[in-house]
Amino acid sequence: MIRFLLRFIGLLLLALAFIFLVYDGTKSIADQRLYVTKVAEVWATLHEGSLTQVRPALEGLAPWLWDPLAASVLNAPACLVLVIVGTVLVLLGRKRRPLIGYAR
């Protein structure tokens, strides 16, 4: 059940990454400029209040969590982050290969 859920969420994230890639591509072609949707923009669109609360929370835990780690993830392209997270979830949810030559 957990493997199915991990694969399902991973595939949804991969589909969402493809949607963002198409969105950025069509916007770039239409305006003849390169547009890249960042994670911070998507998060601010969905729920801006939680985005402003994350920085003090992470700096309170450990200052190094915000500056190199969270800031770089928030400035990364949304399709890239979604592809990475989706791929990791699909790989975690895959079925294990049967062992050949071992008696169980």
N, C-alpha and C. Protein backbone atom coordinates (compact mmCIF):
# COMPACT_ATOMS: atom_id res chain seq x y z
N MET A 1 0.82 -1.19 0.00
CA MET A 1 0.00 0.00 0.00
C MET A 1 0.87 1.26 0.00
N ILE A 2 1.92 1.27 0.80
CA ILE A 2 2.79 2.43 0.87
C ILE A 2 3.56 2.59 -0.45
N ARG A 3 3.99 1.47 -1.03
CA ARG A 3 4.71 1.54 -2.30
C ARG A 3 3.82 2.11 -3.39
N PHE A 4 2.58 1.68 -3.41
CA PHE A 4 1.63 2.21 -4.40
C PHE A 4 1.46 3.71 -4.22
N LEU A 5 1.33 4.15 -2.97
CA LEU A 5 1.14 5.57 -2.69
C LEU A 5 2.38 6.38 -3.11
N LEU A 6 3.57 5.86 -2.84
CA LEU A 6 4.80 6.54 -3.24
C LEU A 6 4.90 6.65 -4.76
N ARG A 7 4.59 5.54 -5.45
CA ARG A 7 4.63 5.58 -6.92
C ARG A 7 3.59 6.53 -7.47
N PHE A 8 2.39 6.52 -6.90
CA PHE A 8 1.31 7.38 -7.38
C PHE A 8 1.66 8.86 -7.21
N ILE A 9 2.14 9.23 -6.03
CA ILE A 9 2.52 10.63 -5.80
C ILE A 9 3.71 11.00 -6.67
N GLY A 10 4.66 10.09 -6.84
CA GLY A 10 5.80 10.35 -7.71
C GLY A 10 5.40 10.59 -9.15
N LEU A 11 4.47 9.78 -9.65
CA LEU A 11 4.00 9.97 -11.02
C LEU A 11 3.20 11.26 -11.17
N LEU A 12 2.44 11.62 -10.15
CA LEU A 12 1.73 12.91 -10.18
C LEU A 12 2.71 14.08 -10.23
N LEU A 13 3.78 13.98 -9.45
CA LEU A 13 4.79 15.04 -9.47
C LEU A 13 5.52 15.11 -10.81
N LEU A 14 5.77 13.95 -11.42
CA LEU A 14 6.40 13.96 -12.74
C LEU A 14 5.47 14.57 -13.79
N ALA A 15 4.17 14.29 -13.69
CA ALA A 15 3.21 14.90 -14.61
C ALA A 15 3.13 16.41 -14.39
N LEU A 16 3.17 16.83 -13.14
CA LEU A 16 3.15 18.26 -12.83
C LEU A 16 4.41 18.94 -13.33
N ALA A 17 5.54 18.26 -13.26
CA ALA A 17 6.79 18.82 -13.79
C ALA A 17 6.69 19.00 -15.30
N PHE A 18 6.07 18.05 -15.98
CA PHE A 18 5.89 18.18 -17.42
C PHE A 18 4.96 19.35 -17.75
N ILE A 19 3.93 19.53 -16.95
CA ILE A 19 3.02 20.66 -17.16
C ILE A 19 3.77 21.99 -17.00
N PHE A 20 4.61 22.10 -15.97
CA PHE A 20 5.40 23.32 -15.78
C PHE A 20 6.39 23.52 -16.93
N LEU A 21 6.95 22.44 -17.44
CA LEU A 21 7.88 22.55 -18.56
C LEU A 21 7.16 23.07 -19.81
N VAL A 22 5.98 22.55 -20.07
CA VAL A 22 5.19 23.01 -21.22
C VAL A 22 4.76 24.46 -21.01
N TYR A 23 4.35 24.80 -19.79
CA TYR A 23 3.93 26.17 -19.48
C TYR A 23 5.07 27.15 -19.72
N ASP A 24 6.25 26.83 -19.19
CA ASP A 24 7.41 27.71 -19.38
C ASP A 24 7.82 27.77 -20.85
N GLY A 25 7.73 26.65 -21.54
CA GLY A 25 8.10 26.63 -22.95
C GLY A 25 7.17 27.46 -23.81
N THR A 26 5.87 27.34 -23.59
CA THR A 26 4.93 28.12 -24.40
C THR A 26 5.03 29.60 -24.07
N LYS A 27 5.26 29.92 -22.81
CA LYS A 27 5.42 31.32 -22.42
C LYS A 27 6.70 31.90 -23.03
N SER A 28 7.76 31.10 -23.07
CA SER A 28 9.02 31.55 -23.65
C SER A 28 8.91 31.72 -25.16
N ILE A 29 8.21 30.81 -25.81
CA ILE A 29 8.05 30.91 -27.27
C ILE A 29 7.19 32.11 -27.62
N ALA A 30 6.12 32.34 -26.86
CA ALA A 30 5.21 33.44 -27.17
C ALA A 30 5.88 34.80 -26.99
N ASP A 31 6.72 34.94 -25.99
CA ASP A 31 7.33 36.24 -25.71
C ASP A 31 8.75 36.35 -26.27
N GLN A 32 9.28 35.26 -26.82
CA GLN A 32 10.63 35.20 -27.36
C GLN A 32 11.67 35.59 -26.33
N ARG A 33 11.44 35.16 -25.10
CA ARG A 33 12.34 35.33 -23.96
C ARG A 33 12.28 34.06 -23.15
N LEU A 34 13.33 33.77 -22.43
CA LEU A 34 13.35 32.56 -21.61
C LEU A 34 12.66 32.82 -20.28
N TYR A 35 11.61 32.06 -20.01
CA TYR A 35 10.91 32.13 -18.73
C TYR A 35 11.11 30.82 -17.98
N VAL A 36 11.40 30.93 -16.71
CA VAL A 36 11.56 29.77 -15.85
C VAL A 36 10.76 30.03 -14.58
N THR A 37 9.82 29.15 -14.29
CA THR A 37 9.02 29.29 -13.08
C THR A 37 9.82 28.71 -11.92
N LYS A 38 10.02 29.52 -10.90
CA LYS A 38 10.80 29.08 -9.73
C LYS A 38 9.87 28.51 -8.67
N VAL A 39 10.43 27.71 -7.78
CA VAL A 39 9.67 27.08 -6.72
C VAL A 39 9.06 28.14 -5.80
N ALA A 40 9.78 29.20 -5.53
CA ALA A 40 9.27 30.26 -4.65
C ALA A 40 8.04 30.93 -5.25
N GLU A 41 8.02 31.10 -6.57
CA GLU A 41 6.86 31.70 -7.22
C GLU A 41 5.64 30.80 -7.10
N VAL A 42 5.84 29.51 -7.29
CA VAL A 42 4.72 28.57 -7.19
C VAL A 42 4.21 28.52 -5.75
N TRP A 43 5.13 28.47 -4.79
CA TRP A 43 4.74 28.42 -3.39
C TRP A 43 4.01 29.69 -2.98
N ALA A 44 4.49 30.85 -3.45
CA ALA A 44 3.84 32.12 -3.13
C ALA A 44 2.44 32.18 -3.74
N THR A 45 2.28 31.60 -4.91
CA THR A 45 0.97 31.57 -5.54
C THR A 45 0.00 30.69 -4.75
N LEU A 46 0.49 29.56 -4.27
CA LEU A 46 -0.38 28.63 -3.55
C LEU A 46 -0.71 29.12 -2.14
N HIS A 47 0.32 29.51 -1.37
CA HIS A 47 0.09 29.94 0.01
C HIS A 47 1.25 30.81 0.46
N GLU A 48 1.10 32.11 0.31
CA GLU A 48 2.20 33.03 0.59
C GLU A 48 2.51 33.14 2.08
N GLY A 49 1.52 32.96 2.92
CA GLY A 49 1.74 33.08 4.36
C GLY A 49 2.71 32.05 4.90
N SER A 50 2.61 30.82 4.39
CA SER A 50 3.51 29.78 4.88
C SER A 50 4.93 29.98 4.37
N LEU A 51 5.06 30.58 3.20
CA LEU A 51 6.40 30.85 2.66
C LEU A 51 7.15 31.86 3.53
N THR A 52 6.43 32.86 4.04
CA THR A 52 7.09 33.85 4.90
C THR A 52 7.40 33.30 6.28
N GLN A 53 6.72 32.25 6.70
CA GLN A 53 6.96 31.66 8.01
C GLN A 53 8.08 30.63 8.00
N VAL A 54 8.45 30.14 6.82
CA VAL A 54 9.47 29.09 6.73
C VAL A 54 10.86 29.63 7.07
N ARG A 55 11.18 30.83 6.61
CA ARG A 55 12.52 31.37 6.85
C ARG A 55 12.85 31.51 8.33
N PRO A 56 12.01 32.16 9.16
CA PRO A 56 12.35 32.23 10.59
C PRO A 56 12.40 30.86 11.26
N ALA A 57 11.55 29.96 10.82
CA ALA A 57 11.55 28.63 11.43
C ALA A 57 12.84 27.89 11.13
N LEU A 58 13.30 27.94 9.88
CA LEU A 58 14.54 27.26 9.52
C LEU A 58 15.77 27.93 10.14
N GLU A 59 15.76 29.25 10.19
CA GLU A 59 16.90 29.94 10.82
C GLU A 59 16.93 29.70 12.31
N GLY A 60 15.77 29.47 12.92
CA GLY A 60 15.72 29.15 14.34
C GLY A 60 16.29 27.77 14.63
N LEU A 61 16.05 26.82 13.74
CA LEU A 61 16.60 25.47 13.91
C LEU A 61 18.11 25.45 13.69
N ALA A 62 18.50 25.90 12.53
CA ALA A 62 19.93 25.95 12.19
C ALA A 62 20.10 26.98 11.07
N PRO A 63 20.99 27.94 11.24
CA PRO A 63 21.14 28.99 10.23
C PRO A 63 21.58 28.47 8.86
N TRP A 64 22.30 27.36 8.83
CA TRP A 64 22.78 26.82 7.56
C TRP A 64 21.66 26.17 6.76
N LEU A 65 20.52 25.90 7.38
CA LEU A 65 19.42 25.30 6.64
C LEU A 65 18.81 26.28 5.65
N TRP A 66 18.76 27.55 6.00
CA TRP A 66 18.11 28.50 5.11
C TRP A 66 19.03 28.95 3.97
N ASP A 67 20.22 29.47 4.33
CA ASP A 67 21.02 30.14 3.31
C ASP A 67 21.48 29.22 2.19
N PRO A 68 22.24 28.19 2.40
CA PRO A 68 22.64 27.43 1.21
C PRO A 68 21.58 26.44 0.74
N LEU A 69 20.82 25.86 1.64
CA LEU A 69 19.94 24.76 1.25
C LEU A 69 18.58 25.24 0.76
N ALA A 70 17.81 25.84 1.62
CA ALA A 70 16.44 26.21 1.26
C ALA A 70 16.40 27.33 0.22
N ALA A 71 17.31 28.26 0.30
CA ALA A 71 17.32 29.36 -0.67
C ALA A 71 17.63 28.85 -2.07
N SER A 72 18.53 27.89 -2.17
CA SER A 72 18.85 27.35 -3.50
C SER A 72 17.70 26.51 -4.05
N VAL A 73 17.00 25.80 -3.19
CA VAL A 73 15.84 25.02 -3.65
C VAL A 73 14.72 25.96 -4.09
N LEU A 74 14.50 27.03 -3.36
CA LEU A 74 13.43 27.96 -3.71
C LEU A 74 13.74 28.74 -4.99
N ASN A 75 15.02 28.93 -5.31
CA ASN A 75 15.39 29.63 -6.54
C ASN A 75 15.58 28.69 -7.73
N ALA A 76 15.43 27.40 -7.52
CA ALA A 76 15.57 26.43 -8.60
C ALA A 76 14.30 26.39 -9.45
N PRO A 77 14.42 25.96 -10.70
CA PRO A 77 13.23 25.82 -11.54
C PRO A 77 12.27 24.77 -10.95
N ALA A 78 10.99 25.08 -11.01
CA ALA A 78 9.99 24.20 -10.41
C ALA A 78 9.95 22.84 -11.10
N CYS A 79 10.12 22.82 -12.42
CA CYS A 79 10.06 21.54 -13.12
C CYS A 79 11.24 20.64 -12.73
N LEU A 80 12.39 21.22 -12.49
CA LEU A 80 13.56 20.43 -12.09
C LEU A 80 13.37 19.83 -10.71
N VAL A 81 12.90 20.62 -9.77
CA VAL A 81 12.67 20.13 -8.41
C VAL A 81 11.60 19.05 -8.40
N LEU A 82 10.54 19.24 -9.17
CA LEU A 82 9.47 18.24 -9.23
C LEU A 82 9.95 16.94 -9.87
N VAL A 83 10.80 17.04 -10.88
CA VAL A 83 11.34 15.83 -11.51
C VAL A 83 12.21 15.06 -10.52
N ILE A 84 13.03 15.76 -9.77
CA ILE A 84 13.92 15.08 -8.82
C ILE A 84 13.11 14.41 -7.71
N VAL A 85 12.18 15.14 -7.12
CA VAL A 85 11.37 14.57 -6.03
C VAL A 85 10.49 13.44 -6.55
N GLY A 86 9.90 13.61 -7.73
CA GLY A 86 9.06 12.57 -8.31
C GLY A 86 9.84 11.31 -8.63
N THR A 87 11.03 11.47 -9.17
CA THR A 87 11.88 10.31 -9.48
C THR A 87 12.28 9.56 -8.22
N VAL A 88 12.63 10.29 -7.19
CA VAL A 88 13.01 9.64 -5.92
C VAL A 88 11.82 8.86 -5.36
N LEU A 89 10.63 9.44 -5.40
CA LEU A 89 9.45 8.74 -4.89
C LEU A 89 9.11 7.50 -5.72
N VAL A 90 9.24 7.59 -7.03
CA VAL A 90 8.98 6.42 -7.88
C VAL A 90 10.00 5.33 -7.60
N LEU A 91 11.26 5.71 -7.42
CA LEU A 91 12.29 4.71 -7.13
C LEU A 91 12.09 4.08 -5.75
N LEU A 92 11.65 4.87 -4.78
CA LEU A 92 11.38 4.31 -3.46
C LEU A 92 10.18 3.37 -3.47
N GLY A 93 9.24 3.62 -4.36
CA GLY A 93 8.03 2.82 -4.40
C GLY A 93 8.07 1.66 -5.36
N ARG A 94 9.18 1.44 -6.04
CA ARG A 94 9.22 0.34 -7.00
C ARG A 94 9.28 -0.99 -6.29
N LYS A 95 8.84 -2.01 -7.02
CA LYS A 95 8.86 -3.36 -6.46
C LYS A 95 10.28 -3.90 -6.47
N ARG A 96 10.58 -4.68 -5.49
CA ARG A 96 11.92 -5.24 -5.41
C ARG A 96 12.06 -6.39 -6.39
N ARG A 97 13.25 -6.53 -6.91
CA ARG A 97 13.52 -7.63 -7.81
C ARG A 97 13.58 -8.93 -7.03
N PRO A 98 13.09 -10.01 -7.63
CA PRO A 98 13.22 -11.30 -6.94
C PRO A 98 14.68 -11.76 -6.97
N LEU A 99 15.09 -12.32 -5.86
CA LEU A 99 16.46 -12.83 -5.79
C LEU A 99 16.55 -14.14 -6.55
N ILE A 100 17.49 -14.23 -7.45
CA ILE A 100 17.66 -15.43 -8.27
C ILE A 100 18.81 -16.23 -7.69
N GLY A 101 18.56 -17.48 -7.41
CA GLY A 101 19.61 -18.36 -6.93
C GLY A 101 19.70 -18.44 -5.43
N TYR A 102 18.82 -17.76 -4.72
CA TYR A 102 18.84 -17.83 -3.27
C TYR A 102 17.58 -18.54 -2.79
N ALA A 103 17.74 -19.44 -1.86
CA ALA A 103 16.59 -20.14 -1.29
C ALA A 103 16.02 -19.31 -0.16
N ARG A 104 14.74 -19.24 -0.11
CA ARG A 104 14.10 -18.47 0.96
C ARG A 104 13.48 -19.37 1.97
